[in-house]
C-alpha atoms as a PDB file:
ATOM      1  CA  MET A   1      11.986  -9.359  -8.346  1.00  0.00           C
ATOM      2  CA  PRO A   2       9.244 -10.713 -10.621  1.00  0.00           C
ATOM      3  CA  ASP A   3       6.332  -9.346  -8.575  1.00  0.00           C
ATOM      4  CA  ARG A   4       7.746  -5.818  -8.260  1.00  0.00           C
ATOM      5  CA  GLU A   5       5.034  -4.072 -10.264  1.00  0.00           C
ATOM      6  CA  ASP A   6       2.302  -6.036  -8.498  1.00  0.00           C
ATOM      7  CA  ARG A   7       3.355  -4.688  -5.107  1.00  0.00           C
ATOM      8  CA  PHE A   8       3.607  -1.127  -6.400  1.00  0.00           C
ATOM      9  CA  ARG A   9       0.142  -1.340  -7.942  1.00  0.00           C
ATOM     10  CA  ALA A  10      -1.385  -2.630  -4.694  1.00  0.00           C
ATOM     11  CA  MET A  11       0.409   0.115  -2.783  1.00  0.00           C
ATOM     12  CA  LEU A  12      -0.963   2.869  -5.014  1.00  0.00           C
ATOM     13  CA  ASP A  13      -4.434   1.303  -5.024  1.00  0.00           C
ATOM     14  CA  ALA A  14      -4.432   1.671  -1.238  1.00  0.00           C
ATOM     15  CA  VAL A  15      -3.310   5.289  -1.493  1.00  0.00           C
ATOM     16  CA  GLU A  16      -6.072   6.193  -3.951  1.00  0.00           C
ATOM     17  CA  ALA A  17      -8.738   4.335  -1.986  1.00  0.00           C
ATOM     18  CA  LEU A  18      -7.880   5.946   1.354  1.00  0.00           C
ATOM     19  CA  VAL A  19      -6.394   9.390   0.671  1.00  0.00           C
ATOM     20  CA  GLY A  20      -7.272  10.200  -2.949  1.00  0.00           C
ATOM     21  CA  ASP A  21      -5.342  10.949  -6.138  1.00  0.00           C
ATOM     22  CA  LYS A  22      -3.422  14.083  -5.060  1.00  0.00           C
ATOM     23  CA  PRO A  23      -1.518  12.757  -2.054  1.00  0.00           C
ATOM     24  CA  ARG A  24       1.510  14.230  -0.332  1.00  0.00           C
ATOM     25  CA  VAL A  25       3.760  11.185  -0.031  1.00  0.00           C
ATOM     26  CA  LEU A  26       6.893  10.315   1.893  1.00  0.00           C
ATOM     27  CA  ASP A  27       8.941   7.785  -0.096  1.00  0.00           C
ATOM     28  CA  LEU A  28      10.799   6.109   2.773  1.00  0.00           C
ATOM     29  CA  ALA A  29      14.212   4.571   2.026  1.00  0.00           C
ATOM     30  CA  CYS A  30      13.526   5.775  -1.502  1.00  0.00           C
ATOM     31  CA  GLY A  31      16.641   4.475  -3.256  1.00  0.00           C
ATOM     32  CA  THR A  32      16.610   5.619  -6.879  1.00  0.00           C
ATOM     33  CA  GLY A  33      12.981   6.769  -6.617  1.00  0.00           C
ATOM     34  CA  SER A  34      11.144   3.721  -7.952  1.00  0.00           C
ATOM     35  CA  ILE A  35       8.006   4.390  -5.892  1.00  0.00           C
ATOM     36  CA  THR A  36       8.046   8.114  -6.671  1.00  0.00           C
ATOM     37  CA  ALA A  37       8.260   7.449 -10.403  1.00  0.00           C
ATOM     38  CA  ARG A  38       5.187   5.219 -10.344  1.00  0.00           C
ATOM     39  CA  LEU A  39       3.347   7.549  -7.966  1.00  0.00           C
ATOM     40  CA  LEU A  40       3.705  10.545 -10.279  1.00  0.00           C
ATOM     41  CA  ARG A  41       2.913   8.525 -13.383  1.00  0.00           C
ATOM     42  CA  ARG A  42      -0.379   7.412 -11.867  1.00  0.00           C
ATOM     43  CA  PHE A  43      -1.155  10.593  -9.906  1.00  0.00           C
ATOM     44  CA  PRO A  44       0.243  13.671 -11.678  1.00  0.00           C
ATOM     45  CA  GLY A  45      -1.143  15.885  -8.907  1.00  0.00           C
ATOM     46  CA  ALA A  46       0.822  14.098  -6.187  1.00  0.00           C
ATOM     47  CA  SER A  47       4.006  15.295  -4.495  1.00  0.00           C
ATOM     48  CA  SER A  48       6.814  13.230  -3.008  1.00  0.00           C
ATOM     49  CA  THR A  49       9.604  13.604  -0.468  1.00  0.00           C
ATOM     50  CA  GLY A  50      12.248  10.895  -0.844  1.00  0.00           C
ATOM     51  CA  VAL A  51      14.320   9.957   2.203  1.00  0.00           C
ATOM     52  CA  ASP A  52      17.457   7.827   2.134  1.00  0.00           C
ATOM     53  CA  LEU A  53      21.001   7.684   3.495  1.00  0.00           C
ATOM     54  CA  ASP A  54      22.674   6.129   0.448  1.00  0.00           C
ATOM     55  CA  PRO A  55      24.586   8.900  -1.405  1.00  0.00           C
ATOM     56  CA  ALA A  56      24.851   6.959  -4.671  1.00  0.00           C
ATOM     57  CA  LEU A  57      21.155   6.092  -4.877  1.00  0.00           C
ATOM     58  CA  LEU A  58      20.166   9.625  -3.889  1.00  0.00           C
ATOM     59  CA  THR A  59      22.401  11.042  -6.625  1.00  0.00           C
ATOM     60  CA  ILE A  60      20.609   8.873  -9.187  1.00  0.00           C
ATOM     61  CA  ALA A  61      17.217   9.880  -7.778  1.00  0.00           C
ATOM     62  CA  ARG A  62      18.022  13.592  -7.788  1.00  0.00           C
ATOM     63  CA  GLY A  63      19.212  13.354 -11.372  1.00  0.00           C
ATOM     64  CA  THR A  64      16.096  11.450 -12.437  1.00  0.00           C
ATOM     65  CA  PHE A  65      13.715  14.049 -11.001  1.00  0.00           C
ATOM     66  CA  ALA A  66      15.798  17.182 -11.576  1.00  0.00           C
ATOM     67  CA  GLY A  67      13.533  20.142 -12.307  1.00  0.00           C
ATOM     68  CA  ASP A  68      10.351  18.435 -11.089  1.00  0.00           C
ATOM     69  CA  GLU A  69       8.966  20.726  -8.383  1.00  0.00           C
ATOM     70  CA  ARG A  70       6.734  17.936  -7.093  1.00  0.00           C
ATOM     71  CA  VAL A  71       9.748  16.014  -5.801  1.00  0.00           C
ATOM     72  CA  SER A  72      12.309  16.717  -3.102  1.00  0.00           C
ATOM     73  CA  PHE A  73      14.895  14.574  -1.329  1.00  0.00           C
ATOM     74  CA  VAL A  74      16.283  14.445   2.196  1.00  0.00           C
ATOM     75  CA  THR A  75      19.408  12.648   3.399  1.00  0.00           C
ATOM     76  CA  ALA A  76      18.617  10.957   6.706  1.00  0.00           C
ATOM     77  CA  ASP A  77      19.530   7.894   8.749  1.00  0.00           C
ATOM     78  CA  LEU A  78      16.337   6.064   9.749  1.00  0.00           C
ATOM     79  CA  LYS A  79      18.160   4.651  12.774  1.00  0.00           C
ATOM     80  CA  ASP A  80      18.490   8.179  14.147  1.00  0.00           C
ATOM     81  CA  PRO A  81      15.367   8.889  16.264  1.00  0.00           C
ATOM     82  CA  ARG A  82      15.502  12.531  15.086  1.00  0.00           C
ATOM     83  CA  TRP A  83      15.498  11.762  11.355  1.00  0.00           C
ATOM     84  CA  ALA A  84      11.982  13.179  10.772  1.00  0.00           C
ATOM     85  CA  ALA A  85      13.060  16.648  11.952  1.00  0.00           C
ATOM     86  CA  GLY A  86      14.621  17.231   8.540  1.00  0.00           C
ATOM     87  CA  LEU A  87      11.429  16.651   6.554  1.00  0.00           C
ATOM     88  CA  PRO A  88       9.985  19.640   4.658  1.00  0.00           C
ATOM     89  CA  HIS A  89       6.414  18.935   5.854  1.00  0.00           C
ATOM     90  CA  ARG A  90       4.980  18.299   9.290  1.00  0.00           C
ATOM     91  CA  ASP A  91       2.901  15.338   8.122  1.00  0.00           C
ATOM     92  CA  TYR A  92       2.007  13.288   5.041  1.00  0.00           C
ATOM     93  CA  ASP A  93      -1.074  11.665   3.529  1.00  0.00           C
ATOM     94  CA  ALA A  94       0.900   8.498   2.878  1.00  0.00           C
ATOM     95  CA  VAL A  95       4.263   6.972   3.706  1.00  0.00           C
ATOM     96  CA  LEU A  96       5.368   4.249   1.284  1.00  0.00           C
ATOM     97  CA  THR A  97       8.368   1.924   1.309  1.00  0.00           C
ATOM     98  CA  SER A  98       9.415  -1.258  -0.487  1.00  0.00           C
ATOM     99  CA  THR A  99      12.058  -3.913   0.124  1.00  0.00           C
ATOM    100  CA  ALA A 100      14.103  -1.761   2.476  1.00  0.00           C
ATOM    101  CA  LEU A 101      13.110  -1.927   6.134  1.00  0.00           C
ATOM    102  CA  HIS A 102      14.109  -5.589   6.585  1.00  0.00           C
ATOM    103  CA  TRP A 103      17.658  -4.247   6.993  1.00  0.00           C
ATOM    104  CA  LEU A 104      16.703  -2.708  10.347  1.00  0.00           C
ATOM    105  CA  ASP A 105      16.951  -4.695  13.562  1.00  0.00           C
ATOM    106  CA  GLU A 106      13.749  -5.279  15.519  1.00  0.00           C
ATOM    107  CA  GLU A 107      14.153  -2.468  18.042  1.00  0.00           C
ATOM    108  CA  SER A 108      15.130   0.084  15.383  1.00  0.00           C
ATOM    109  CA  LEU A 109      12.087  -0.837  13.310  1.00  0.00           C
ATOM    110  CA  ARG A 110       9.812  -0.655  16.343  1.00  0.00           C
ATOM    111  CA  ILE A 111      11.082   2.885  17.082  1.00  0.00           C
ATOM    112  CA  LEU A 112      10.720   3.832  13.411  1.00  0.00           C
ATOM    113  CA  TYR A 113       7.076   2.712  13.382  1.00  0.00           C
ATOM    114  CA  GLY A 114       6.448   4.887  16.425  1.00  0.00           C
ATOM    115  CA  THR A 115       7.966   7.869  14.612  1.00  0.00           C
ATOM    116  CA  LEU A 116       5.860   7.174  11.524  1.00  0.00           C
ATOM    117  CA  ALA A 117       2.699   7.273  13.632  1.00  0.00           C
ATOM    118  CA  GLY A 118       3.516  10.964  14.098  1.00  0.00           C
ATOM    119  CA  VAL A 119       4.471  11.559  10.454  1.00  0.00           C
ATOM    120  CA  VAL A 120       1.323  10.080   8.873  1.00  0.00           C
ATOM    121  CA  ARG A 121      -1.623  12.444   9.340  1.00  0.00           C
ATOM    122  CA  PRO A 122      -4.817  11.158  11.003  1.00  0.00           C
ATOM    123  CA  GLY A 123      -6.677   9.228   8.319  1.00  0.00           C
ATOM    124  CA  GLY A 124      -3.480   8.787   6.315  1.00  0.00           C
ATOM    125  CA  VAL A 125      -1.794   5.505   5.403  1.00  0.00           C
ATOM    126  CA  PHE A 126       1.502   3.664   5.664  1.00  0.00           C
ATOM    127  CA  VAL A 127       2.383   0.788   3.330  1.00  0.00           C
ATOM    128  CA  ASN A 128       5.467  -1.387   3.731  1.00  0.00           C
ATOM    129  CA  ALA A 129       6.032  -3.997   1.014  1.00  0.00           C
ATOM    130  CA  ASP A 130       8.915  -6.218   2.047  1.00  0.00           C
ATOM    131  CA  HIS A 131      10.176  -9.709   2.806  1.00  0.00           C
ATOM    132  CA  MET A 132       7.813 -11.083   5.456  1.00  0.00           C
ATOM    133  CA  PRO A 133       8.435 -14.800   6.004  1.00  0.00           C
ATOM    134  CA  ASP A 134       5.951 -17.065   7.761  1.00  0.00           C
ATOM    135  CA  GLU A 135       7.693 -19.094  10.458  1.00  0.00           C
ATOM    136  CA  HIS A 136       4.738 -21.487  10.603  1.00  0.00           C
ATOM    137  CA  THR A 137       5.335 -22.870   7.080  1.00  0.00           C
ATOM    138  CA  PRO A 138       8.975 -24.023   6.898  1.00  0.00           C
ATOM    139  CA  LEU A 139       8.407 -26.559   4.090  1.00  0.00           C
ATOM    140  CA  ILE A 140       6.714 -24.005   1.845  1.00  0.00           C
ATOM    141  CA  SER A 141       9.406 -21.428   2.616  1.00  0.00           C
ATOM    142  CA  SER A 142      12.212 -23.878   1.865  1.00  0.00           C
ATOM    143  CA  ALA A 143      10.685 -24.878  -1.467  1.00  0.00           C
ATOM    144  CA  GLU A 144      10.154 -21.242  -2.412  1.00  0.00           C
ATOM    145  CA  ARG A 145      13.772 -20.330  -1.589  1.00  0.00           C
ATOM    146  CA  ALA A 146      15.036 -23.172  -3.773  1.00  0.00           C
ATOM    147  CA  TYR A 147      12.762 -22.052  -6.601  1.00  0.00           C
ATOM    148  CA  GLN A 148      13.945 -18.429  -6.376  1.00  0.00           C
ATOM    149  CA  GLU A 149      17.617 -19.424  -6.248  1.00  0.00           C
ATOM    150  CA  ALA A 150      17.163 -21.530  -9.388  1.00  0.00           C
ATOM    151  CA  ARG A 151      15.302 -18.702 -11.126  1.00  0.00           C
ATOM    152  CA  ARG A 152      18.033 -16.171 -10.284  1.00  0.00           C
ATOM    153  CA  ALA A 153      20.695 -18.576 -11.550  1.00  0.00           C
ATOM    154  CA  ARG A 154      18.840 -18.982 -14.853  1.00  0.00           C
ATOM    155  CA  GLU A 155      18.436 -15.238 -15.270  1.00  0.00           C
ATOM    156  CA  LYS A 156      22.071 -14.540 -14.457  1.00  0.00           C
ATOM    157  CA  ALA A 157      23.160 -17.186 -16.968  1.00  0.00           C
ATOM    158  CA  ALA A 158      20.981 -15.405 -19.535  1.00  0.00           C
ATOM    159  CA  GLY A 159      22.869 -12.166 -18.916  1.00  0.00           C
ATOM    160  CA  ARG A 160      20.749 -10.324 -16.360  1.00  0.00           C
ATOM    161  CA  GLN A 161      22.689  -8.285 -13.783  1.00  0.00           C
ATOM    162  CA  ASP A 162      22.574  -9.296 -10.142  1.00  0.00           C
ATOM    163  CA  TRP A 163      22.909  -6.931  -7.161  1.00  0.00           C
ATOM    164  CA  ALA A 164      26.713  -7.081  -7.007  1.00  0.00           C
ATOM    165  CA  GLU A 165      27.163  -6.562 -10.761  1.00  0.00           C
ATOM    166  CA  TRP A 166      24.853  -3.544 -10.761  1.00  0.00           C
ATOM    167  CA  TRP A 167      26.878  -1.935  -7.980  1.00  0.00           C
ATOM    168  CA  GLY A 168      30.055  -2.668  -9.898  1.00  0.00           C
ATOM    169  CA  GLU A 169      28.662  -0.680 -12.818  1.00  0.00           C
ATOM    170  CA  VAL A 170      27.670   2.171 -10.488  1.00  0.00           C
ATOM    171  CA  ALA A 171      31.195   2.294  -9.013  1.00  0.00           C
ATOM    172  CA  ARG A 172      32.724   2.498 -12.505  1.00  0.00           C
ATOM    173  CA  ALA A 173      30.500   5.385 -13.629  1.00  0.00           C
ATOM    174  CA  PRO A 174      32.567   8.625 -13.380  1.00  0.00           C
ATOM    175  CA  GLU A 175      29.570  10.669 -12.188  1.00  0.00           C
ATOM    176  CA  LEU A 176      28.816   8.169  -9.393  1.00  0.00           C
ATOM    177  CA  ALA A 177      32.211   6.793  -8.362  1.00  0.00           C
ATOM    178  CA  ARG A 178      32.737   9.176  -5.423  1.00  0.00           C
ATOM    179  CA  GLN A 179      29.215   8.606  -4.085  1.00  0.00           C
ATOM    180  CA  ALA A 180      29.584   4.848  -4.499  1.00  0.00           C
ATOM    181  CA  GLU A 181      32.756   4.828  -2.396  1.00  0.00           C
ATOM    182  CA  GLU A 182      30.962   6.825   0.283  1.00  0.00           C
ATOM    183  CA  ARG A 183      28.086   4.347   0.127  1.00  0.00           C
ATOM    184  CA  PHE A 184      30.485   1.427   0.564  1.00  0.00           C
ATOM    185  CA  ARG A 185      32.004   3.177   3.591  1.00  0.00           C
ATOM    186  CA  ILE A 186      28.582   3.552   5.238  1.00  0.00           C
ATOM    187  CA  PHE A 187      26.972   0.217   4.385  1.00  0.00           C
ATOM    188  CA  GLY A 188      29.787  -2.070   3.245  1.00  0.00           C
ATOM    189  CA  ASP A 189      30.649  -3.139  -0.282  1.00  0.00           C
ATOM    190  CA  PRO A 190      27.737  -5.035  -1.888  1.00  0.00           C
ATOM    191  CA  ARG A 191      30.061  -6.378  -4.596  1.00  0.00           C
ATOM    192  CA  ALA A 192      31.556  -8.711  -1.980  1.00  0.00           C
ATOM    193  CA  ALA A 193      28.418  -9.337   0.087  1.00  0.00           C
ATOM    194  CA  THR A 194      26.150 -12.363  -0.077  1.00  0.00           C
ATOM    195  CA  ASP A 195      23.792 -11.296   2.725  1.00  0.00           C
ATOM    196  CA  HIS A 196      20.853  -9.120   1.652  1.00  0.00           C
ATOM    197  CA  GLY A 197      19.597  -8.749   5.209  1.00  0.00           C
ATOM    198  CA  ASP A 198      16.834 -11.309   4.704  1.00  0.00           C
ATOM    199  CA  GLY A 199      17.652 -12.908   8.046  1.00  0.00           C
ATOM    200  CA  LEU A 200      16.327  -9.797   9.794  1.00  0.00           C
ATOM    201  CA  ALA A 201      12.948  -9.981   8.052  1.00  0.00           C
ATOM    202  CA  ARG A 202       9.952 -10.305  10.356  1.00  0.00           C
ATOM    203  CA  SER A 203       6.562 -11.906   9.795  1.00  0.00           C
ATOM    204  CA  LEU A 204       3.458 -10.093   8.613  1.00  0.00           C
ATOM    205  CA  ASP A 205       1.875 -10.725  12.025  1.00  0.00           C
ATOM    206  CA  TRP A 206       4.793  -8.968  13.702  1.00  0.00           C
ATOM    207  CA  HIS A 207       4.358  -5.897  11.492  1.00  0.00           C
ATOM    208  CA  VAL A 208       0.592  -5.750  12.048  1.00  0.00           C
ATOM    209  CA  THR A 209       0.937  -6.066  15.831  1.00  0.00           C
ATOM    210  CA  THR A 210       3.792  -3.562  16.048  1.00  0.00           C
ATOM    211  CA  LEU A 211       2.057  -0.953  13.892  1.00  0.00           C
ATOM    212  CA  ARG A 212      -1.093  -1.136  16.000  1.00  0.00           C
ATOM    213  CA  ALA A 213       0.961  -0.800  19.174  1.00  0.00           C
ATOM    214  CA  ALA A 214       2.753   2.206  17.648  1.00  0.00           C
ATOM    215  CA  GLY A 215      -0.521   4.105  17.287  1.00  0.00           C
ATOM    216  CA  PHE A 216      -2.002   3.108  13.936  1.00  0.00           C
ATOM    217  CA  THR A 217      -5.774   2.521  14.081  1.00  0.00           C
ATOM    218  CA  GLU A 218      -5.844  -0.499  11.774  1.00  0.00           C
ATOM    219  CA  ALA A 219      -3.282  -2.696  10.017  1.00  0.00           C
ATOM    220  CA  ARG A 220      -3.711  -5.596   7.613  1.00  0.00           C
ATOM    221  CA  THR A 221      -2.368  -7.303   4.494  1.00  0.00           C
ATOM    222  CA  ALA A 222      -2.729  -5.339   1.263  1.00  0.00           C
ATOM    223  CA  TRP A 223      -0.861  -7.783  -1.011  1.00  0.00           C
ATOM    224  CA  ALA A 224       1.167 -10.984  -0.717  1.00  0.00           C
ATOM    225  CA  SER A 225       3.328 -13.362  -2.736  1.00  0.00           C
ATOM    226  CA  LEU A 226       4.863 -16.612  -1.498  1.00  0.00           C
ATOM    227  CA  THR A 227       7.441 -14.816   0.654  1.00  0.00           C
ATOM    228  CA  ASP A 228       6.743 -11.091   0.489  1.00  0.00           C
ATOM    229  CA  ALA A 229       3.791  -9.002   1.615  1.00  0.00           C
ATOM    230  CA  ALA A 230       2.579  -5.427   1.817  1.00  0.00           C
ATOM    231  CA  VAL A 231       1.234  -4.394   5.204  1.00  0.00           C
ATOM    232  CA  LEU A 232      -1.209  -1.470   5.099  1.00  0.00           C
ATOM    233  CA  ALA A 233      -1.749   0.638   8.205  1.00  0.00           C
ATOM    234  CA  LEU A 234      -4.346   3.388   8.700  1.00  0.00           C
ATOM    235  CA  ARG A 235      -3.493   6.269  10.990  1.00  0.00           C
END
C-alpha cells in the first residue's frame, strides 16, 4: 500500500487540528496496532484503546505495546450491536480506522456508524481511511486497477511478501500458530483467499451521507488517492 503513511499523516493532522495533541483515541479494527504506533510517536501524551476480533493480530498488538500504560486492547465483534459495551471509556476524542471497514456489509456498517455517533464525544472526530471507489469513473478505476495489479506483481517478483505469504509466516510462528488457527476459523484462511472484500467497498459520497444521517454534524474528505479516501466526520 504505497500511500499508507500519507493516509496516516492526514488522519493525525485532523486529530491535532480538531481535538489537540493529547487525545483519547479508539483504534477501531486495530489489527497489529499500526495507527496506535503512529499516534503515540506523534503525540506522546495520547492514549489508545485498540478493538479487534482477530486473535492473531491482537496477540501481535499486545506484544508490541506490552508495558505501555497508554494502550489497552479489547476483543470485540463490530457486527455485534453491543460491542461498545466492553470499552474501558464512555467516549473518545477520536475514533480512527484504516483499510478495515470495507469488509462489513452495508447494513452492518450503517449500524456501526450509528454506534460510533455515541462513542465519539461532542466535538470529537471519526476518520475512516479505506477503499472508496467512485462508480461515476469506470475508465479511471479500470486503469488504476490494472496499474496496481502490475505494481503488485513487480513487487512480488522482487521478493516482497503478499497477504497470503505473510499469513503463512504467522501460522508457522510457534507463538502465533494457535491464534492463527483460531483466526482462520473465524474469518477463513487468507492463504487460500483471493478476495480482499473490495467488492463491498462503498463510495465516499455514501460514507459522507451515512455519517451525517447517523448523527455526525459534518463529514467530508480529509485525503484521497486514485481509489482510496479518508472521510472525516465531526461529532
